[in-house]
């Protein structure tokens, strides 16, 4: 069985409550920190979810130094 078939099996054989409240939590607990971080970043990027770990906005901010606006690098 592929992972998609296994997921479909769970959807067909588990309660809606389990799918909504337990499945995602169990998957996150099972994944390692690095794997979940990669998944989280990809998910946020693809679904246009603001990523709290994304520092791109910080790189594009302007700061004021000595009454002059300076591009922050």
PDB file of N, CA and C in Angstrom:
ATOM      1  N   UNK A   1       0.841  -1.197   0.000  1.00  0.00           N
ATOM      2  CA  UNK A   1       0.000   0.000   0.000  1.00  0.00           C
ATOM      3  C   UNK A   1       0.878   1.251   0.000  1.00  0.00           C
ATOM      4  N   UNK A   2       0.464   2.249  -0.756  1.00  0.00           N
ATOM      5  CA  UNK A   2       1.171   3.518  -0.743  1.00  0.00           C
ATOM      6  C   UNK A   2       0.696   4.338   0.460  1.00  0.00           C
ATOM      7  N   UNK A   3       1.384   5.420   0.752  1.00  0.00           N
ATOM      8  CA  UNK A   3       0.972   6.284   1.871  1.00  0.00           C
ATOM      9  C   UNK A   3      -0.404   6.885   1.620  1.00  0.00           C
ATOM     10  N   UNK A   4      -0.725   7.140   0.347  1.00  0.00           N
ATOM     11  CA  UNK A   4      -2.042   7.697   0.017  1.00  0.00           C
ATOM     12  C   UNK A   4      -3.144   6.663   0.251  1.00  0.00           C
ATOM     13  N   UNK A   5      -2.857   5.429  -0.102  1.00  0.00           N
ATOM     14  CA  UNK A   5      -3.827   4.350   0.154  1.00  0.00           C
ATOM     15  C   UNK A   5      -4.013   4.141   1.651  1.00  0.00           C
ATOM     16  N   UNK A   6      -2.938   4.225   2.387  1.00  0.00           N
ATOM     17  CA  UNK A   6      -3.024   4.060   3.842  1.00  0.00           C
ATOM     18  C   UNK A   6      -3.836   5.187   4.466  1.00  0.00           C
ATOM     19  N   UNK A   7      -3.608   6.413   3.985  1.00  0.00           N
ATOM     20  CA  UNK A   7      -4.379   7.543   4.490  1.00  0.00           C
ATOM     21  C   UNK A   7      -5.859   7.356   4.166  1.00  0.00           C
ATOM     22  N   UNK A   8      -6.151   6.942   2.956  1.00  0.00           N
ATOM     23  CA  UNK A   8      -7.543   6.704   2.563  1.00  0.00           C
ATOM     24  C   UNK A   8      -8.169   5.611   3.428  1.00  0.00           C
ATOM     25  N   UNK A   9      -7.404   4.585   3.741  1.00  0.00           N
ATOM     26  CA  UNK A   9      -7.879   3.523   4.622  1.00  0.00           C
ATOM     27  C   UNK A   9      -8.271   4.092   5.988  1.00  0.00           C
ATOM     28  N   UNK A  10      -7.410   4.939   6.535  1.00  0.00           N
ATOM     29  CA  UNK A  10      -7.725   5.558   7.827  1.00  0.00           C
ATOM     30  C   UNK A  10      -8.983   6.408   7.729  1.00  0.00           C
ATOM     31  N   UNK A  11      -9.108   7.180   6.653  1.00  0.00           N
ATOM     32  CA  UNK A  11     -10.295   8.030   6.475  1.00  0.00           C
ATOM     33  C   UNK A  11     -11.567   7.195   6.404  1.00  0.00           C
ATOM     34  N   UNK A  12     -11.474   6.042   5.770  1.00  0.00           N
ATOM     35  CA  UNK A  12     -12.646   5.187   5.603  1.00  0.00           C
ATOM     36  C   UNK A  12     -12.978   4.386   6.857  1.00  0.00           C
ATOM     37  N   UNK A  13     -11.995   4.117   7.701  1.00  0.00           N
ATOM     38  CA  UNK A  13     -12.196   3.207   8.821  1.00  0.00           C
ATOM     39  C   UNK A  13     -12.123   3.838  10.203  1.00  0.00           C
ATOM     40  N   UNK A  14     -11.840   5.123  10.261  1.00  0.00           N
ATOM     41  CA  UNK A  14     -11.765   5.799  11.561  1.00  0.00           C
ATOM     42  C   UNK A  14     -12.867   6.852  11.638  1.00  0.00           C
ATOM     43  N   UNK A  15     -13.186   7.222  12.850  1.00  0.00           N
ATOM     44  CA  UNK A  15     -14.227   8.229  13.032  1.00  0.00           C
ATOM     45  C   UNK A  15     -13.748   9.598  12.557  1.00  0.00           C
ATOM     46  N   UNK A  16     -14.686  10.449  12.209  1.00  0.00           N
ATOM     47  CA  UNK A  16     -14.363  11.808  11.802  1.00  0.00           C
ATOM     48  C   UNK A  16     -13.652  12.549  12.930  1.00  0.00           C
ATOM     49  N   UNK A  17     -14.070  12.294  14.154  1.00  0.00           N
ATOM     50  CA  UNK A  17     -13.434  12.912  15.317  1.00  0.00           C
ATOM     51  C   UNK A  17     -11.954  12.522  15.400  1.00  0.00           C
ATOM     52  N   UNK A  18     -11.658  11.238  15.174  1.00  0.00           N
ATOM     53  CA  UNK A  18     -10.269  10.793  15.199  1.00  0.00           C
ATOM     54  C   UNK A  18      -9.454  11.506  14.114  1.00  0.00           C
ATOM     55  N   UNK A  19      -9.996  11.562  12.914  1.00  0.00           N
ATOM     56  CA  UNK A  19      -9.293  12.193  11.797  1.00  0.00           C
ATOM     57  C   UNK A  19      -9.020  13.664  12.098  1.00  0.00           C
ATOM     58  N   UNK A  20     -10.010  14.358  12.667  1.00  0.00           N
ATOM     59  CA  UNK A  20      -9.863  15.790  12.933  1.00  0.00           C
ATOM     60  C   UNK A  20      -8.981  16.100  14.133  1.00  0.00           C
ATOM     61  N   UNK A  21      -9.033  15.281  15.159  1.00  0.00           N
ATOM     62  CA  UNK A  21      -8.335  15.645  16.401  1.00  0.00           C
ATOM     63  C   UNK A  21      -7.079  14.837  16.696  1.00  0.00           C
ATOM     64  N   UNK A  22      -6.986  13.634  16.196  1.00  0.00           N
ATOM     65  CA  UNK A  22      -5.860  12.776  16.586  1.00  0.00           C
ATOM     66  C   UNK A  22      -4.838  12.550  15.482  1.00  0.00           C
ATOM     67  N   UNK A  23      -5.292  12.398  14.263  1.00  0.00           N
ATOM     68  CA  UNK A  23      -4.396  11.999  13.191  1.00  0.00           C
ATOM     69  C   UNK A  23      -3.229  12.971  12.996  1.00  0.00           C
ATOM     70  N   UNK A  24      -3.525  14.242  12.873  1.00  0.00           N
ATOM     71  CA  UNK A  24      -2.461  15.221  12.648  1.00  0.00           C
ATOM     72  C   UNK A  24      -1.514  15.267  13.843  1.00  0.00           C
ATOM     73  N   UNK A  25      -2.075  15.270  15.036  1.00  0.00           N
ATOM     74  CA  UNK A  25      -1.236  15.303  16.242  1.00  0.00           C
ATOM     75  C   UNK A  25      -0.304  14.091  16.283  1.00  0.00           C
ATOM     76  N   UNK A  26      -0.832  12.922  15.984  1.00  0.00           N
ATOM     77  CA  UNK A  26      -0.019  11.710  15.999  1.00  0.00           C
ATOM     78  C   UNK A  26       1.086  11.773  14.944  1.00  0.00           C
ATOM     79  N   UNK A  27       0.766  12.316  13.762  1.00  0.00           N
ATOM     80  CA  UNK A  27       1.778  12.434  12.716  1.00  0.00           C
ATOM     81  C   UNK A  27       2.889  13.391  13.139  1.00  0.00           C
ATOM     82  N   UNK A  28       2.541  14.498  13.764  1.00  0.00           N
ATOM     83  CA  UNK A  28       3.536  15.479  14.207  1.00  0.00           C
ATOM     84  C   UNK A  28       4.409  14.887  15.309  1.00  0.00           C
ATOM     85  N   UNK A  29       3.805  14.168  16.231  1.00  0.00           N
ATOM     86  CA  UNK A  29       4.572  13.535  17.311  1.00  0.00           C
ATOM     87  C   UNK A  29       5.553  12.522  16.729  1.00  0.00           C
ATOM     88  N   UNK A  30       5.134  11.809  15.707  1.00  0.00           N
ATOM     89  CA  UNK A  30       5.951  10.755  15.132  1.00  0.00           C
ATOM     90  C   UNK A  30       7.104  11.305  14.301  1.00  0.00           C
ATOM     91  N   UNK A  31       6.887  12.431  13.631  1.00  0.00           N
ATOM     92  CA  UNK A  31       7.931  13.028  12.792  1.00  0.00           C
ATOM     93  C   UNK A  31       9.020  13.647  13.662  1.00  0.00           C
ATOM     94  N   UNK A  32      10.237  13.656  13.136  1.00  0.00           N
ATOM     95  CA  UNK A  32      11.324  14.330  13.827  1.00  0.00           C
ATOM     96  C   UNK A  32      11.215  15.838  13.649  1.00  0.00           C
ATOM     97  N   UNK A  33      11.940  16.580  14.445  1.00  0.00           N
ATOM     98  CA  UNK A  33      11.898  18.044  14.399  1.00  0.00           C
ATOM     99  C   UNK A  33      12.291  18.578  13.026  1.00  0.00           C
ATOM    100  N   UNK A  34      13.362  18.046  12.455  1.00  0.00           N
ATOM    101  CA  UNK A  34      13.834  18.524  11.154  1.00  0.00           C
ATOM    102  C   UNK A  34      12.829  18.222  10.044  1.00  0.00           C
ATOM    103  N   UNK A  35      12.281  17.010  10.042  1.00  0.00           N
ATOM    104  CA  UNK A  35      11.287  16.650   9.024  1.00  0.00           C
ATOM    105  C   UNK A  35      10.046  17.525   9.125  1.00  0.00           C
ATOM    106  N   UNK A  36       9.587  17.762  10.354  1.00  0.00           N
ATOM    107  CA  UNK A  36       8.390  18.584  10.497  1.00  0.00           C
ATOM    108  C   UNK A  36       8.675  20.034  10.110  1.00  0.00           C
ATOM    109  N   UNK A  37       9.846  20.541  10.417  1.00  0.00           N
ATOM    110  CA  UNK A  37      10.199  21.911  10.037  1.00  0.00           C
ATOM    111  C   UNK A  37      10.188  22.081   8.520  1.00  0.00           C
ATOM    112  N   UNK A  38      10.733  21.100   7.800  1.00  0.00           N
ATOM    113  CA  UNK A  38      10.701  21.138   6.336  1.00  0.00           C
ATOM    114  C   UNK A  38       9.268  21.100   5.826  1.00  0.00           C
ATOM    115  N   UNK A  39       8.479  20.199   6.389  1.00  0.00           N
ATOM    116  CA  UNK A  39       7.074  20.078   6.004  1.00  0.00           C
ATOM    117  C   UNK A  39       6.317  21.374   6.282  1.00  0.00           C
ATOM    118  N   UNK A  40       6.536  21.946   7.448  1.00  0.00           N
ATOM    119  CA  UNK A  40       5.860  23.186   7.856  1.00  0.00           C
ATOM    120  C   UNK A  40       6.185  24.324   6.891  1.00  0.00           C
ATOM    121  N   UNK A  41       7.454  24.478   6.564  1.00  0.00           N
ATOM    122  CA  UNK A  41       7.867  25.539   5.642  1.00  0.00           C
ATOM    123  C   UNK A  41       7.252  25.349   4.261  1.00  0.00           C
ATOM    124  N   UNK A  42       7.257  24.132   3.765  1.00  0.00           N
ATOM    125  CA  UNK A  42       6.678  23.837   2.455  1.00  0.00           C
ATOM    126  C   UNK A  42       5.170  24.085   2.466  1.00  0.00           C
ATOM    127  N   UNK A  43       4.489  23.649   3.503  1.00  0.00           N
ATOM    128  CA  UNK A  43       3.043  23.831   3.626  1.00  0.00           C
ATOM    129  C   UNK A  43       2.692  25.316   3.664  1.00  0.00           C
ATOM    130  N   UNK A  44       3.402  26.073   4.472  1.00  0.00           N
ATOM    131  CA  UNK A  44       3.139  27.511   4.564  1.00  0.00           C
ATOM    132  C   UNK A  44       3.359  28.184   3.215  1.00  0.00           C
ATOM    133  N   UNK A  45       4.425  27.817   2.539  1.00  0.00           N
ATOM    134  CA  UNK A  45       4.744  28.423   1.255  1.00  0.00           C
ATOM    135  C   UNK A  45       3.687  28.097   0.204  1.00  0.00           C
ATOM    136  N   UNK A  46       3.316  26.845   0.102  1.00  0.00           N
ATOM    137  CA  UNK A  46       2.381  26.418  -0.941  1.00  0.00           C
ATOM    138  C   UNK A  46       0.950  26.888  -0.701  1.00  0.00           C
ATOM    139  N   UNK A  47       0.554  27.050   0.547  1.00  0.00           N
ATOM    140  CA  UNK A  47      -0.821  27.443   0.860  1.00  0.00           C
ATOM    141  C   UNK A  47      -0.905  28.902   1.299  1.00  0.00           C
ATOM    142  N   UNK A  48       0.195  29.669   1.083  1.00  0.00           N
ATOM    143  CA  UNK A  48       0.270  31.092   1.408  1.00  0.00           C
ATOM    144  C   UNK A  48      -0.155  31.375   2.854  1.00  0.00           C
ATOM    145  N   UNK A  49       0.395  30.589   3.758  1.00  0.00           N
ATOM    146  CA  UNK A  49       0.192  30.764   5.192  1.00  0.00           C
ATOM    147  C   UNK A  49       1.398  31.524   5.718  1.00  0.00           C
ATOM    148  N   UNK A  50       1.173  32.568   6.496  1.00  0.00           N
ATOM    149  CA  UNK A  50       2.294  33.317   7.053  1.00  0.00           C
ATOM    150  C   UNK A  50       3.119  32.403   7.946  1.00  0.00           C
ATOM    151  N   UNK A  51       4.388  32.314   7.661  1.00  0.00           N
ATOM    152  CA  UNK A  51       5.297  31.469   8.429  1.00  0.00           C
ATOM    153  C   UNK A  51       5.977  32.327   9.490  1.00  0.00           C
ATOM    154  N   UNK A  52       5.750  32.054  10.768  1.00  0.00           N
ATOM    155  CA  UNK A  52       6.354  32.875  11.822  1.00  0.00           C
ATOM    156  C   UNK A  52       7.870  32.757  11.879  1.00  0.00           C
ATOM    157  N   UNK A  53       8.432  31.745  11.228  1.00  0.00           N
ATOM    158  CA  UNK A  53       9.882  31.579  11.213  1.00  0.00           C
ATOM    159  C   UNK A  53      10.525  32.230   9.995  1.00  0.00           C
ATOM    160  N   UNK A  54       9.723  32.761   9.095  1.00  0.00           N
ATOM    161  CA  UNK A  54      10.232  33.361   7.866  1.00  0.00           C
ATOM    162  C   UNK A  54      10.833  34.722   8.183  1.00  0.00           C
ATOM    163  N   UNK A  55      12.094  34.912   7.826  1.00  0.00           N
ATOM    164  CA  UNK A  55      12.777  36.174   8.116  1.00  0.00           C
ATOM    165  C   UNK A  55      12.880  37.050   6.883  1.00  0.00           C
ATOM    166  N   UNK A  56      12.250  36.654   5.778  1.00  0.00           N
ATOM    167  CA  UNK A  56      12.335  37.438   4.545  1.00  0.00           C
ATOM    168  C   UNK A  56      11.825  38.856   4.754  1.00  0.00           C
ATOM    169  N   UNK A  57      10.743  39.029   5.504  1.00  0.00           N
ATOM    170  CA  UNK A  57      10.199  40.362   5.758  1.00  0.00           C
ATOM    171  C   UNK A  57      11.193  41.225   6.523  1.00  0.00           C
ATOM    172  N   UNK A  58      11.918  40.614   7.450  1.00  0.00           N
ATOM    173  CA  UNK A  58      12.900  41.369   8.212  1.00  0.00           C
ATOM    174  C   UNK A  58      14.007  41.901   7.301  1.00  0.00           C
ATOM    175  N   UNK A  59      14.338  41.123   6.263  1.00  0.00           N
ATOM    176  CA  UNK A  59      15.403  41.534   5.354  1.00  0.00           C
ATOM    177  C   UNK A  59      14.969  42.702   4.479  1.00  0.00           C
ATOM    178  N   UNK A  60      13.679  42.929   4.333  1.00  0.00           N
ATOM    179  CA  UNK A  60      13.183  43.976   3.451  1.00  0.00           C
ATOM    180  C   UNK A  60      12.671  45.196   4.221  1.00  0.00           C
ATOM    181  N   UNK A  61      12.967  45.279   5.489  1.00  0.00           N
ATOM    182  CA  UNK A  61      12.500  46.397   6.292  1.00  0.00           C
ATOM    183  C   UNK A  61      13.459  47.580   6.181  1.00  0.00           C
ATOM    184  N   UNK A  62      12.901  48.748   6.373  1.00  0.00           N
ATOM    185  CA  UNK A  62      13.715  49.954   6.435  1.00  0.00           C
ATOM    186  C   UNK A  62      13.847  50.364   7.890  1.00  0.00           C
ATOM    187  N   UNK A  63      15.004  50.875   8.239  1.00  0.00           N
ATOM    188  CA  UNK A  63      15.211  51.412   9.578  1.00  0.00           C
ATOM    189  C   UNK A  63      15.659  52.852   9.439  1.00  0.00           C
ATOM    190  N   UNK A  64      15.497  53.593  10.515  1.00  0.00           N
ATOM    191  CA  UNK A  64      15.908  54.993  10.499  1.00  0.00           C
ATOM    192  C   UNK A  64      17.159  55.135  11.357  1.00  0.00           C
ATOM    193  N   UNK A  65      18.222  55.635  10.721  1.00  0.00           N
ATOM    194  CA  UNK A  65      19.465  55.901  11.424  1.00  0.00           C
ATOM    195  C   UNK A  65      19.885  57.318  11.115  1.00  0.00           C
ATOM    196  N   UNK A  66      20.119  58.113  12.127  1.00  0.00           N
ATOM    197  CA  UNK A  66      20.535  59.508  11.957  1.00  0.00           C
ATOM    198  C   UNK A  66      19.586  60.263  11.010  1.00  0.00           C
ATOM    199  N   UNK A  67      18.308  60.068  11.239  1.00  0.00           N
ATOM    200  CA  UNK A  67      17.258  60.739  10.452  1.00  0.00           C
ATOM    201  C   UNK A  67      17.265  60.371   8.976  1.00  0.00           C
ATOM    202  N   UNK A  68      17.885  59.242   8.595  1.00  0.00           N
ATOM    203  CA  UNK A  68      17.852  58.772   7.221  1.00  0.00           C
ATOM    204  C   UNK A  68      17.299  57.351   7.212  1.00  0.00           C
ATOM    205  N   UNK A  69      16.475  57.055   6.177  1.00  0.00           N
ATOM    206  CA  UNK A  69      15.983  55.699   6.047  1.00  0.00           C
ATOM    207  C   UNK A  69      17.079  54.838   5.427  1.00  0.00           C
ATOM    208  N   UNK A  70      17.352  53.705   6.060  1.00  0.00           N
ATOM    209  CA  UNK A  70      18.420  52.806   5.610  1.00  0.00           C
ATOM    210  C   UNK A  70      17.800  51.441   5.391  1.00  0.00           C
ATOM    211  N   UNK A  71      18.119  50.842   4.230  1.00  0.00           N
ATOM    212  CA  UNK A  71      17.644  49.492   3.936  1.00  0.00           C
ATOM    213  C   UNK A  71      18.367  48.514   4.851  1.00  0.00           C
ATOM    214  N   UNK A  72      17.607  47.714   5.588  1.00  0.00           N
ATOM    215  CA  UNK A  72      18.205  46.713   6.481  1.00  0.00           C
ATOM    216  C   UNK A  72      18.575  45.482   5.695  1.00  0.00           C
ATOM    217  N   UNK A  73      19.783  45.013   5.832  1.00  0.00           N
ATOM    218  CA  UNK A  73      20.236  43.810   5.119  1.00  0.00           C
ATOM    219  C   UNK A  73      20.112  42.597   5.998  1.00  0.00           C
TER     220      UNK A  73
END
